[in-house]
């Protein structure tokens, strides 16, 4: 068992440290199917600032990542239209795990197994700070959202829907 207060590295945190990104660590008790709303609640964060990492695929089964507010859903039609695809669908969990190298519920957009295009809901980039998965279930990192464009070349999209 890990020492109290110590959080072991993940590929995501190693990537962030290697790139000189300042971040804060926010561990919490993971709940199956709790999602971003649960993590925001237990950490006392606004769910709009908690960013979920969603692994999806286009009509040719090419994987991509969508970063969305914790309290919003993705309009798949709007997303497909904006990125020039016929359709976009969420990957099955086992496929998402294979593409990302992370378990669903602990998927980080940083240091994924496969290089995938990253799309970010544009309003996320206007926030002063976000919390995003750090590469493990029950573990978020807080950072400046501009890291998403500078390190991941994330492309802004406008595809949010209310939950």
N, C-alpha and C. Protein backbone atom coordinates (compact mmCIF):
# COMPACT_ATOMS: atom_id res chain seq x y z
N UNK A 1 0.84 -1.19 0.00
CA UNK A 1 0.00 0.00 0.00
C UNK A 1 0.88 1.25 0.00
N UNK A 2 0.49 2.25 -0.72
CA UNK A 2 1.28 3.49 -0.83
C UNK A 2 1.25 4.25 0.49
N UNK A 3 2.31 4.98 0.72
CA UNK A 3 2.36 5.81 1.92
C UNK A 3 1.30 6.90 1.85
N UNK A 4 0.80 7.27 2.98
CA UNK A 4 -0.22 8.32 3.04
C UNK A 4 0.32 9.60 2.42
N UNK A 5 -0.44 10.18 1.51
CA UNK A 5 -0.04 11.43 0.89
C UNK A 5 0.82 11.25 -0.36
N UNK A 6 1.34 10.03 -0.59
CA UNK A 6 2.17 9.79 -1.76
C UNK A 6 1.31 9.25 -2.91
N UNK A 7 1.48 9.83 -4.07
CA UNK A 7 0.76 9.38 -5.25
C UNK A 7 1.81 8.94 -6.27
N UNK A 8 1.72 7.69 -6.71
CA UNK A 8 2.71 7.19 -7.65
C UNK A 8 2.50 7.82 -9.03
N UNK A 9 3.58 7.87 -9.76
CA UNK A 9 3.56 8.47 -11.10
C UNK A 9 2.70 7.64 -12.05
N UNK A 10 2.16 8.31 -13.05
CA UNK A 10 1.47 7.67 -14.15
C UNK A 10 2.17 8.14 -15.43
N UNK A 11 1.92 7.50 -16.55
CA UNK A 11 2.50 8.03 -17.79
C UNK A 11 2.10 9.50 -18.02
N UNK A 12 0.87 9.86 -17.62
CA UNK A 12 0.41 11.24 -17.80
C UNK A 12 1.21 12.22 -16.94
N UNK A 13 1.42 11.89 -15.66
CA UNK A 13 2.16 12.82 -14.80
C UNK A 13 3.63 12.87 -15.20
N UNK A 14 4.18 11.76 -15.65
CA UNK A 14 5.56 11.77 -16.15
C UNK A 14 5.69 12.70 -17.36
N UNK A 15 4.70 12.62 -18.26
CA UNK A 15 4.67 13.47 -19.44
C UNK A 15 4.58 14.95 -19.04
N UNK A 16 3.69 15.26 -18.10
CA UNK A 16 3.53 16.65 -17.66
C UNK A 16 4.81 17.17 -17.02
N UNK A 17 5.41 16.38 -16.14
CA UNK A 17 6.67 16.80 -15.50
C UNK A 17 7.78 16.99 -16.53
N UNK A 18 7.89 16.06 -17.47
CA UNK A 18 8.93 16.14 -18.50
C UNK A 18 8.78 17.39 -19.36
N UNK A 19 7.55 17.89 -19.47
CA UNK A 19 7.29 19.09 -20.27
C UNK A 19 7.19 20.35 -19.41
N UNK A 20 7.57 20.25 -18.14
CA UNK A 20 7.62 21.42 -17.27
C UNK A 20 6.27 22.01 -16.91
N UNK A 21 5.22 21.18 -16.93
CA UNK A 21 3.87 21.67 -16.63
C UNK A 21 3.64 21.65 -15.12
N UNK A 22 3.24 22.79 -14.57
CA UNK A 22 2.87 22.86 -13.16
C UNK A 22 1.45 22.32 -13.01
N UNK A 23 1.27 21.38 -12.07
CA UNK A 23 -0.06 20.84 -11.84
C UNK A 23 -0.23 20.48 -10.38
N UNK A 24 -1.48 20.43 -9.97
CA UNK A 24 -1.81 20.01 -8.61
C UNK A 24 -2.46 18.63 -8.70
N UNK A 25 -2.33 17.86 -7.63
CA UNK A 25 -2.87 16.50 -7.62
C UNK A 25 -4.12 16.45 -6.75
N UNK A 26 -5.15 15.74 -7.25
CA UNK A 26 -6.43 15.67 -6.56
C UNK A 26 -6.94 14.22 -6.54
N UNK A 27 -6.45 13.41 -5.60
CA UNK A 27 -6.97 12.04 -5.50
C UNK A 27 -8.35 12.03 -4.83
N UNK A 28 -9.16 11.05 -5.17
CA UNK A 28 -10.48 10.90 -4.55
C UNK A 28 -10.88 9.43 -4.63
N UNK A 29 -11.88 9.06 -3.87
CA UNK A 29 -12.36 7.67 -3.88
C UNK A 29 -13.17 7.44 -5.16
N UNK A 30 -12.64 6.61 -6.03
CA UNK A 30 -13.29 6.33 -7.31
C UNK A 30 -14.55 5.51 -7.09
N UNK A 31 -15.60 5.86 -7.84
CA UNK A 31 -16.85 5.11 -7.82
C UNK A 31 -17.16 4.71 -9.26
N UNK A 32 -17.37 3.41 -9.48
CA UNK A 32 -17.71 2.91 -10.82
C UNK A 32 -18.91 3.67 -11.37
N UNK A 33 -18.81 4.19 -12.56
CA UNK A 33 -19.86 4.95 -13.25
C UNK A 33 -20.19 6.28 -12.55
N UNK A 34 -19.31 6.75 -11.68
CA UNK A 34 -19.54 8.03 -11.00
C UNK A 34 -19.30 9.21 -11.92
N UNK A 35 -18.29 9.08 -12.77
CA UNK A 35 -17.99 10.10 -13.76
C UNK A 35 -17.48 11.41 -13.19
N UNK A 36 -17.42 12.38 -14.07
CA UNK A 36 -16.89 13.70 -13.72
C UNK A 36 -17.76 14.42 -12.69
N UNK A 37 -19.05 14.18 -12.74
CA UNK A 37 -19.96 14.83 -11.78
C UNK A 37 -19.61 14.37 -10.36
N UNK A 38 -19.36 13.07 -10.19
CA UNK A 38 -19.01 12.53 -8.88
C UNK A 38 -17.68 13.10 -8.39
N UNK A 39 -16.67 13.07 -9.26
CA UNK A 39 -15.36 13.57 -8.84
C UNK A 39 -15.43 15.05 -8.48
N UNK A 40 -16.19 15.82 -9.24
CA UNK A 40 -16.35 17.25 -8.92
C UNK A 40 -16.99 17.41 -7.55
N UNK A 41 -18.02 16.63 -7.29
CA UNK A 41 -18.73 16.73 -6.01
C UNK A 41 -17.83 16.40 -4.83
N UNK A 42 -17.11 15.27 -4.90
CA UNK A 42 -16.28 14.88 -3.75
C UNK A 42 -15.06 15.78 -3.57
N UNK A 43 -14.59 16.40 -4.65
CA UNK A 43 -13.43 17.30 -4.55
C UNK A 43 -13.84 18.76 -4.34
N UNK A 44 -15.16 19.03 -4.35
CA UNK A 44 -15.62 20.40 -4.15
C UNK A 44 -15.33 21.31 -5.33
N UNK A 45 -15.35 20.74 -6.53
CA UNK A 45 -15.06 21.51 -7.74
C UNK A 45 -16.34 21.75 -8.54
N UNK A 46 -16.33 22.79 -9.34
CA UNK A 46 -17.43 23.05 -10.27
C UNK A 46 -17.33 22.01 -11.39
N UNK A 47 -18.40 21.22 -11.65
CA UNK A 47 -18.32 20.20 -12.70
C UNK A 47 -18.03 20.78 -14.08
N UNK A 48 -18.29 22.06 -14.29
CA UNK A 48 -17.98 22.71 -15.57
C UNK A 48 -16.47 22.79 -15.78
N UNK A 49 -15.69 22.80 -14.68
CA UNK A 49 -14.22 22.91 -14.78
C UNK A 49 -13.53 21.55 -14.72
N UNK A 50 -14.30 20.49 -14.46
CA UNK A 50 -13.75 19.14 -14.49
C UNK A 50 -13.93 18.63 -15.92
N UNK A 51 -12.84 18.26 -16.55
CA UNK A 51 -12.86 17.88 -17.96
C UNK A 51 -12.76 16.38 -18.10
N UNK A 52 -13.73 15.79 -18.81
CA UNK A 52 -13.69 14.36 -19.05
C UNK A 52 -12.99 14.08 -20.38
N UNK A 53 -12.26 12.97 -20.40
CA UNK A 53 -11.52 12.54 -21.58
C UNK A 53 -12.29 11.37 -22.20
N UNK A 54 -12.81 11.58 -23.40
CA UNK A 54 -13.64 10.59 -24.07
C UNK A 54 -12.93 10.06 -25.31
N UNK A 55 -12.79 8.75 -25.40
CA UNK A 55 -12.17 8.14 -26.58
C UNK A 55 -13.29 7.72 -27.52
N UNK A 56 -13.23 8.24 -28.73
CA UNK A 56 -14.26 7.99 -29.73
C UNK A 56 -13.60 7.51 -31.02
N UNK A 57 -14.43 7.17 -32.01
CA UNK A 57 -13.88 6.80 -33.31
C UNK A 57 -14.80 7.29 -34.42
N UNK A 58 -14.18 7.53 -35.56
CA UNK A 58 -14.96 8.00 -36.70
C UNK A 58 -15.50 6.81 -37.49
N UNK A 59 -16.11 7.08 -38.64
CA UNK A 59 -16.75 6.02 -39.44
C UNK A 59 -15.75 5.00 -39.97
N UNK A 60 -14.48 5.34 -39.98
CA UNK A 60 -13.45 4.39 -40.43
C UNK A 60 -12.74 3.71 -39.26
N UNK A 61 -13.33 3.87 -38.06
CA UNK A 61 -12.78 3.29 -36.81
C UNK A 61 -11.44 3.92 -36.43
N UNK A 62 -11.19 5.14 -36.89
CA UNK A 62 -9.98 5.86 -36.49
C UNK A 62 -10.27 6.52 -35.14
N UNK A 63 -9.42 6.28 -34.13
CA UNK A 63 -9.68 6.82 -32.80
C UNK A 63 -9.37 8.31 -32.70
N UNK A 64 -10.06 8.97 -31.79
CA UNK A 64 -9.84 10.38 -31.48
C UNK A 64 -10.25 10.62 -30.03
N UNK A 65 -9.77 11.71 -29.48
CA UNK A 65 -10.11 12.08 -28.11
C UNK A 65 -10.92 13.36 -28.13
N UNK A 66 -11.97 13.38 -27.31
CA UNK A 66 -12.78 14.58 -27.12
C UNK A 66 -12.70 14.96 -25.65
N UNK A 67 -12.38 16.22 -25.38
CA UNK A 67 -12.33 16.74 -24.02
C UNK A 67 -13.56 17.60 -23.80
N UNK A 68 -14.37 17.23 -22.80
CA UNK A 68 -15.66 17.88 -22.59
C UNK A 68 -15.85 18.22 -21.12
N UNK A 69 -16.61 19.29 -20.87
CA UNK A 69 -16.98 19.67 -19.51
C UNK A 69 -17.63 18.48 -18.81
N UNK A 70 -17.40 18.36 -17.52
CA UNK A 70 -17.97 17.26 -16.75
C UNK A 70 -19.47 17.24 -16.69
N UNK A 71 -20.10 18.40 -16.88
CA UNK A 71 -21.56 18.46 -16.79
C UNK A 71 -22.20 18.72 -18.16
N UNK A 72 -21.53 18.29 -19.20
CA UNK A 72 -22.06 18.42 -20.56
C UNK A 72 -21.88 17.10 -21.30
N UNK A 73 -22.67 16.92 -22.34
CA UNK A 73 -22.55 15.76 -23.23
C UNK A 73 -22.01 16.24 -24.57
N UNK A 74 -21.63 15.31 -25.42
CA UNK A 74 -21.09 15.63 -26.74
C UNK A 74 -22.19 15.43 -27.78
N UNK A 75 -22.43 16.45 -28.60
CA UNK A 75 -23.29 16.30 -29.77
C UNK A 75 -22.44 15.63 -30.84
N UNK A 76 -22.67 14.34 -31.05
CA UNK A 76 -21.86 13.58 -32.00
C UNK A 76 -22.02 14.11 -33.42
N UNK A 77 -23.23 14.54 -33.78
CA UNK A 77 -23.45 15.10 -35.12
C UNK A 77 -22.67 16.39 -35.31
N UNK A 78 -22.74 17.30 -34.33
CA UNK A 78 -21.99 18.56 -34.44
C UNK A 78 -20.49 18.30 -34.48
N UNK A 79 -20.03 17.39 -33.65
CA UNK A 79 -18.60 17.07 -33.64
C UNK A 79 -18.17 16.53 -35.00
N UNK A 80 -18.89 15.55 -35.53
CA UNK A 80 -18.53 14.96 -36.83
C UNK A 80 -18.47 16.03 -37.91
N UNK A 81 -19.48 16.89 -37.94
CA UNK A 81 -19.53 17.94 -38.95
C UNK A 81 -18.31 18.87 -38.83
N UNK A 82 -17.96 19.24 -37.60
CA UNK A 82 -16.85 20.18 -37.40
C UNK A 82 -15.48 19.59 -37.71
N UNK A 83 -15.34 18.27 -37.56
CA UNK A 83 -14.02 17.68 -37.80
C UNK A 83 -13.94 16.99 -39.17
N UNK A 84 -15.01 17.14 -39.96
CA UNK A 84 -14.98 16.62 -41.33
C UNK A 84 -15.18 15.12 -41.45
N UNK A 85 -15.96 14.54 -40.55
CA UNK A 85 -16.25 13.10 -40.60
C UNK A 85 -17.72 12.88 -40.89
N UNK A 86 -18.06 11.68 -41.36
CA UNK A 86 -19.46 11.34 -41.57
C UNK A 86 -20.14 11.05 -40.25
N UNK A 87 -19.41 10.38 -39.35
CA UNK A 87 -19.98 10.06 -38.04
C UNK A 87 -18.88 9.87 -37.02
N UNK A 88 -19.25 10.04 -35.75
CA UNK A 88 -18.38 9.80 -34.61
C UNK A 88 -19.20 9.07 -33.57
N UNK A 89 -18.62 8.02 -32.99
CA UNK A 89 -19.29 7.27 -31.94
C UNK A 89 -18.30 7.00 -30.81
N UNK A 90 -18.79 6.84 -29.58
CA UNK A 90 -17.90 6.47 -28.48
C UNK A 90 -17.34 5.06 -28.72
N UNK A 91 -16.10 4.85 -28.35
CA UNK A 91 -15.51 3.51 -28.44
C UNK A 91 -16.08 2.64 -27.33
N UNK A 92 -16.16 1.35 -27.59
CA UNK A 92 -16.48 0.40 -26.52
C UNK A 92 -15.33 0.47 -25.50
N UNK A 93 -15.61 0.24 -24.23
CA UNK A 93 -14.56 0.38 -23.20
C UNK A 93 -13.28 -0.38 -23.50
N UNK A 94 -13.38 -1.62 -23.95
CA UNK A 94 -12.17 -2.39 -24.21
C UNK A 94 -11.37 -1.81 -25.37
N UNK A 95 -12.05 -1.22 -26.35
CA UNK A 95 -11.37 -0.58 -27.47
C UNK A 95 -10.71 0.72 -27.01
N UNK A 96 -11.43 1.49 -26.21
CA UNK A 96 -10.87 2.74 -25.67
C UNK A 96 -9.63 2.44 -24.84
N UNK A 97 -9.67 1.39 -24.03
CA UNK A 97 -8.51 1.00 -23.21
C UNK A 97 -7.32 0.68 -24.10
N UNK A 98 -7.56 -0.04 -25.19
CA UNK A 98 -6.49 -0.42 -26.11
C UNK A 98 -5.86 0.81 -26.78
N UNK A 99 -6.70 1.74 -27.22
CA UNK A 99 -6.19 2.94 -27.89
C UNK A 99 -5.40 3.83 -26.94
N UNK A 100 -5.95 4.04 -25.74
CA UNK A 100 -5.36 5.02 -24.82
C UNK A 100 -4.25 4.45 -23.94
N UNK A 101 -4.36 3.17 -23.61
CA UNK A 101 -3.41 2.59 -22.65
C UNK A 101 -3.86 2.81 -21.22
N UNK A 102 -5.00 3.43 -21.04
CA UNK A 102 -5.57 3.68 -19.71
C UNK A 102 -6.89 2.92 -19.59
N UNK A 103 -7.30 2.65 -18.35
CA UNK A 103 -8.62 2.07 -18.11
C UNK A 103 -9.67 3.15 -18.21
N UNK A 104 -10.82 2.82 -18.80
CA UNK A 104 -11.93 3.77 -18.83
C UNK A 104 -12.24 4.17 -17.39
N UNK A 105 -12.43 5.46 -17.17
CA UNK A 105 -12.61 5.99 -15.82
C UNK A 105 -11.30 6.56 -15.29
N UNK A 106 -10.21 6.25 -15.98
CA UNK A 106 -8.89 6.76 -15.60
C UNK A 106 -8.13 7.23 -16.82
N UNK A 107 -8.86 7.58 -17.88
CA UNK A 107 -8.23 7.97 -19.15
C UNK A 107 -7.76 9.41 -19.10
N UNK A 108 -6.49 9.60 -19.38
CA UNK A 108 -5.91 10.93 -19.50
C UNK A 108 -5.59 11.18 -20.97
N UNK A 109 -5.67 12.43 -21.42
CA UNK A 109 -5.29 12.71 -22.80
C UNK A 109 -3.77 12.78 -22.99
N UNK A 110 -3.03 12.76 -21.87
CA UNK A 110 -1.58 12.88 -21.91
C UNK A 110 -0.92 11.50 -21.95
N UNK A 111 0.06 11.33 -22.83
CA UNK A 111 0.85 10.10 -22.92
C UNK A 111 -0.01 8.88 -23.22
N UNK A 112 -0.87 9.00 -24.21
CA UNK A 112 -1.69 7.87 -24.62
C UNK A 112 -0.83 6.86 -25.39
N UNK A 113 -1.27 5.62 -25.38
CA UNK A 113 -0.54 4.55 -26.08
C UNK A 113 -0.45 4.86 -27.57
N UNK A 114 -1.58 5.26 -28.17
CA UNK A 114 -1.63 5.61 -29.59
C UNK A 114 -1.72 7.13 -29.71
N UNK A 115 -1.04 7.68 -30.69
CA UNK A 115 -1.21 9.10 -30.98
C UNK A 115 -2.59 9.27 -31.63
N UNK A 116 -3.39 10.15 -31.05
CA UNK A 116 -4.75 10.38 -31.58
C UNK A 116 -4.98 11.88 -31.66
N UNK A 117 -5.77 12.33 -32.65
CA UNK A 117 -6.13 13.75 -32.66
C UNK A 117 -6.98 14.06 -31.41
N UNK A 118 -6.79 15.26 -30.88
CA UNK A 118 -7.51 15.68 -29.68
C UNK A 118 -8.37 16.89 -30.03
N UNK A 119 -9.63 16.84 -29.62
CA UNK A 119 -10.57 17.94 -29.81
C UNK A 119 -11.05 18.37 -28.44
N UNK A 120 -11.11 19.68 -28.23
CA UNK A 120 -11.49 20.22 -26.92
C UNK A 120 -12.66 21.19 -27.10
N UNK A 121 -13.66 21.05 -26.25
CA UNK A 121 -14.77 22.01 -26.26
C UNK A 121 -14.17 23.39 -26.05
N UNK A 122 -14.45 24.32 -26.94
CA UNK A 122 -13.80 25.63 -26.95
C UNK A 122 -13.91 26.38 -25.62
N UNK A 123 -15.04 26.28 -24.95
CA UNK A 123 -15.24 27.01 -23.68
C UNK A 123 -14.26 26.55 -22.60
N UNK A 124 -13.74 25.34 -22.70
CA UNK A 124 -12.76 24.84 -21.73
C UNK A 124 -11.51 25.70 -21.77
N UNK A 125 -11.12 26.12 -22.96
CA UNK A 125 -9.88 26.91 -23.12
C UNK A 125 -9.99 28.29 -22.50
N UNK A 126 -11.21 28.76 -22.25
CA UNK A 126 -11.41 30.09 -21.64
C UNK A 126 -11.38 30.04 -20.12
N UNK A 127 -11.37 28.84 -19.54
CA UNK A 127 -11.36 28.72 -18.08
C UNK A 127 -9.98 29.05 -17.53
N UNK A 128 -9.90 29.59 -16.31
CA UNK A 128 -8.59 29.89 -15.73
C UNK A 128 -7.83 28.63 -15.32
N UNK A 129 -8.55 27.58 -14.96
CA UNK A 129 -7.92 26.33 -14.49
C UNK A 129 -8.92 25.19 -14.67
N UNK A 130 -8.40 24.01 -14.99
CA UNK A 130 -9.25 22.83 -15.13
C UNK A 130 -8.71 21.69 -14.28
N UNK A 131 -9.56 20.70 -14.05
CA UNK A 131 -9.14 19.43 -13.44
C UNK A 131 -9.42 18.36 -14.48
N UNK A 132 -8.42 17.53 -14.75
CA UNK A 132 -8.53 16.51 -15.80
C UNK A 132 -7.86 15.24 -15.30
N UNK A 133 -8.24 14.10 -15.84
CA UNK A 133 -7.72 12.85 -15.33
C UNK A 133 -6.21 12.78 -15.45
N UNK A 134 -5.59 12.29 -14.39
CA UNK A 134 -4.14 12.19 -14.34
C UNK A 134 -3.61 10.81 -14.69
N UNK A 135 -4.46 9.94 -15.26
CA UNK A 135 -3.98 8.65 -15.72
C UNK A 135 -4.30 7.48 -14.81
N UNK A 136 -5.24 7.69 -13.90
CA UNK A 136 -5.64 6.63 -12.98
C UNK A 136 -7.05 6.91 -12.50
N UNK A 137 -7.81 5.88 -12.25
CA UNK A 137 -9.15 6.07 -11.68
C UNK A 137 -8.99 6.70 -10.30
N UNK A 138 -9.80 7.72 -10.03
CA UNK A 138 -9.75 8.39 -8.74
C UNK A 138 -8.60 9.38 -8.60
N UNK A 139 -8.17 9.96 -9.70
CA UNK A 139 -7.02 10.86 -9.65
C UNK A 139 -7.13 11.93 -10.75
N UNK A 140 -7.34 13.18 -10.33
CA UNK A 140 -7.36 14.30 -11.26
C UNK A 140 -6.14 15.17 -11.04
N UNK A 141 -5.74 15.89 -12.07
CA UNK A 141 -4.70 16.91 -11.94
C UNK A 141 -5.30 18.25 -12.34
N UNK A 142 -4.92 19.29 -11.61
CA UNK A 142 -5.36 20.64 -11.91
C UNK A 142 -4.27 21.35 -12.70
N UNK A 143 -4.66 22.01 -13.78
CA UNK A 143 -3.66 22.71 -14.60
C UNK A 143 -4.31 23.79 -15.45
N UNK A 144 -3.47 24.56 -16.11
CA UNK A 144 -3.90 25.60 -17.03
C UNK A 144 -4.40 24.93 -18.31
N UNK A 145 -5.61 25.26 -18.78
CA UNK A 145 -6.13 24.58 -19.97
C UNK A 145 -5.33 24.85 -21.25
N UNK A 146 -4.51 25.88 -21.26
CA UNK A 146 -3.71 26.17 -22.46
C UNK A 146 -2.72 25.05 -22.76
N UNK A 147 -2.42 24.22 -21.74
CA UNK A 147 -1.55 23.06 -21.94
C UNK A 147 -2.15 22.13 -22.99
N UNK A 148 -3.48 22.09 -23.07
CA UNK A 148 -4.15 21.20 -24.02
C UNK A 148 -3.80 21.54 -25.46
N UNK A 149 -3.71 22.83 -25.76
CA UNK A 149 -3.37 23.22 -27.13
C UNK A 149 -1.86 23.20 -27.35
N UNK A 150 -1.10 23.62 -26.34
CA UNK A 150 0.35 23.69 -26.54
C UNK A 150 1.02 22.31 -26.59
N UNK A 151 0.59 21.37 -25.76
CA UNK A 151 1.24 20.05 -25.73
C UNK A 151 0.51 18.98 -26.54
N UNK A 152 -0.80 19.10 -26.66
CA UNK A 152 -1.57 18.07 -27.36
C UNK A 152 -2.06 18.51 -28.72
N UNK A 153 -1.83 19.78 -29.05
CA UNK A 153 -2.33 20.35 -30.31
C UNK A 153 -3.84 20.15 -30.42
N UNK A 154 -4.54 20.27 -29.28
CA UNK A 154 -5.99 20.09 -29.26
C UNK A 154 -6.66 21.17 -30.09
N UNK A 155 -7.61 20.74 -30.91
CA UNK A 155 -8.35 21.65 -31.78
C UNK A 155 -9.68 21.99 -31.12
N UNK A 156 -10.01 23.30 -31.01
CA UNK A 156 -11.29 23.68 -30.40
C UNK A 156 -12.49 23.30 -31.27
N UNK A 157 -13.53 22.83 -30.61
CA UNK A 157 -14.79 22.51 -31.27
C UNK A 157 -15.92 23.06 -30.41
N UNK A 158 -17.10 23.15 -30.99
CA UNK A 158 -18.28 23.61 -30.27
C UNK A 158 -19.36 22.54 -30.42
N UNK A 159 -19.38 21.59 -29.47
CA UNK A 159 -20.29 20.45 -29.60
C UNK A 159 -20.91 20.03 -28.27
N UNK A 160 -20.94 20.95 -27.30
CA UNK A 160 -21.48 20.63 -25.98
C UNK A 160 -23.00 20.65 -25.97
N UNK A 161 -23.56 19.70 -25.23
CA UNK A 161 -25.00 19.64 -24.99
C UNK A 161 -25.21 19.55 -23.49
N UNK A 162 -26.32 20.12 -22.99
CA UNK A 162 -26.60 19.95 -21.56
C UNK A 162 -26.87 18.48 -21.26
N UNK A 163 -26.52 18.05 -20.06
CA UNK A 163 -26.80 16.65 -19.66
C UNK A 163 -28.26 16.49 -19.31
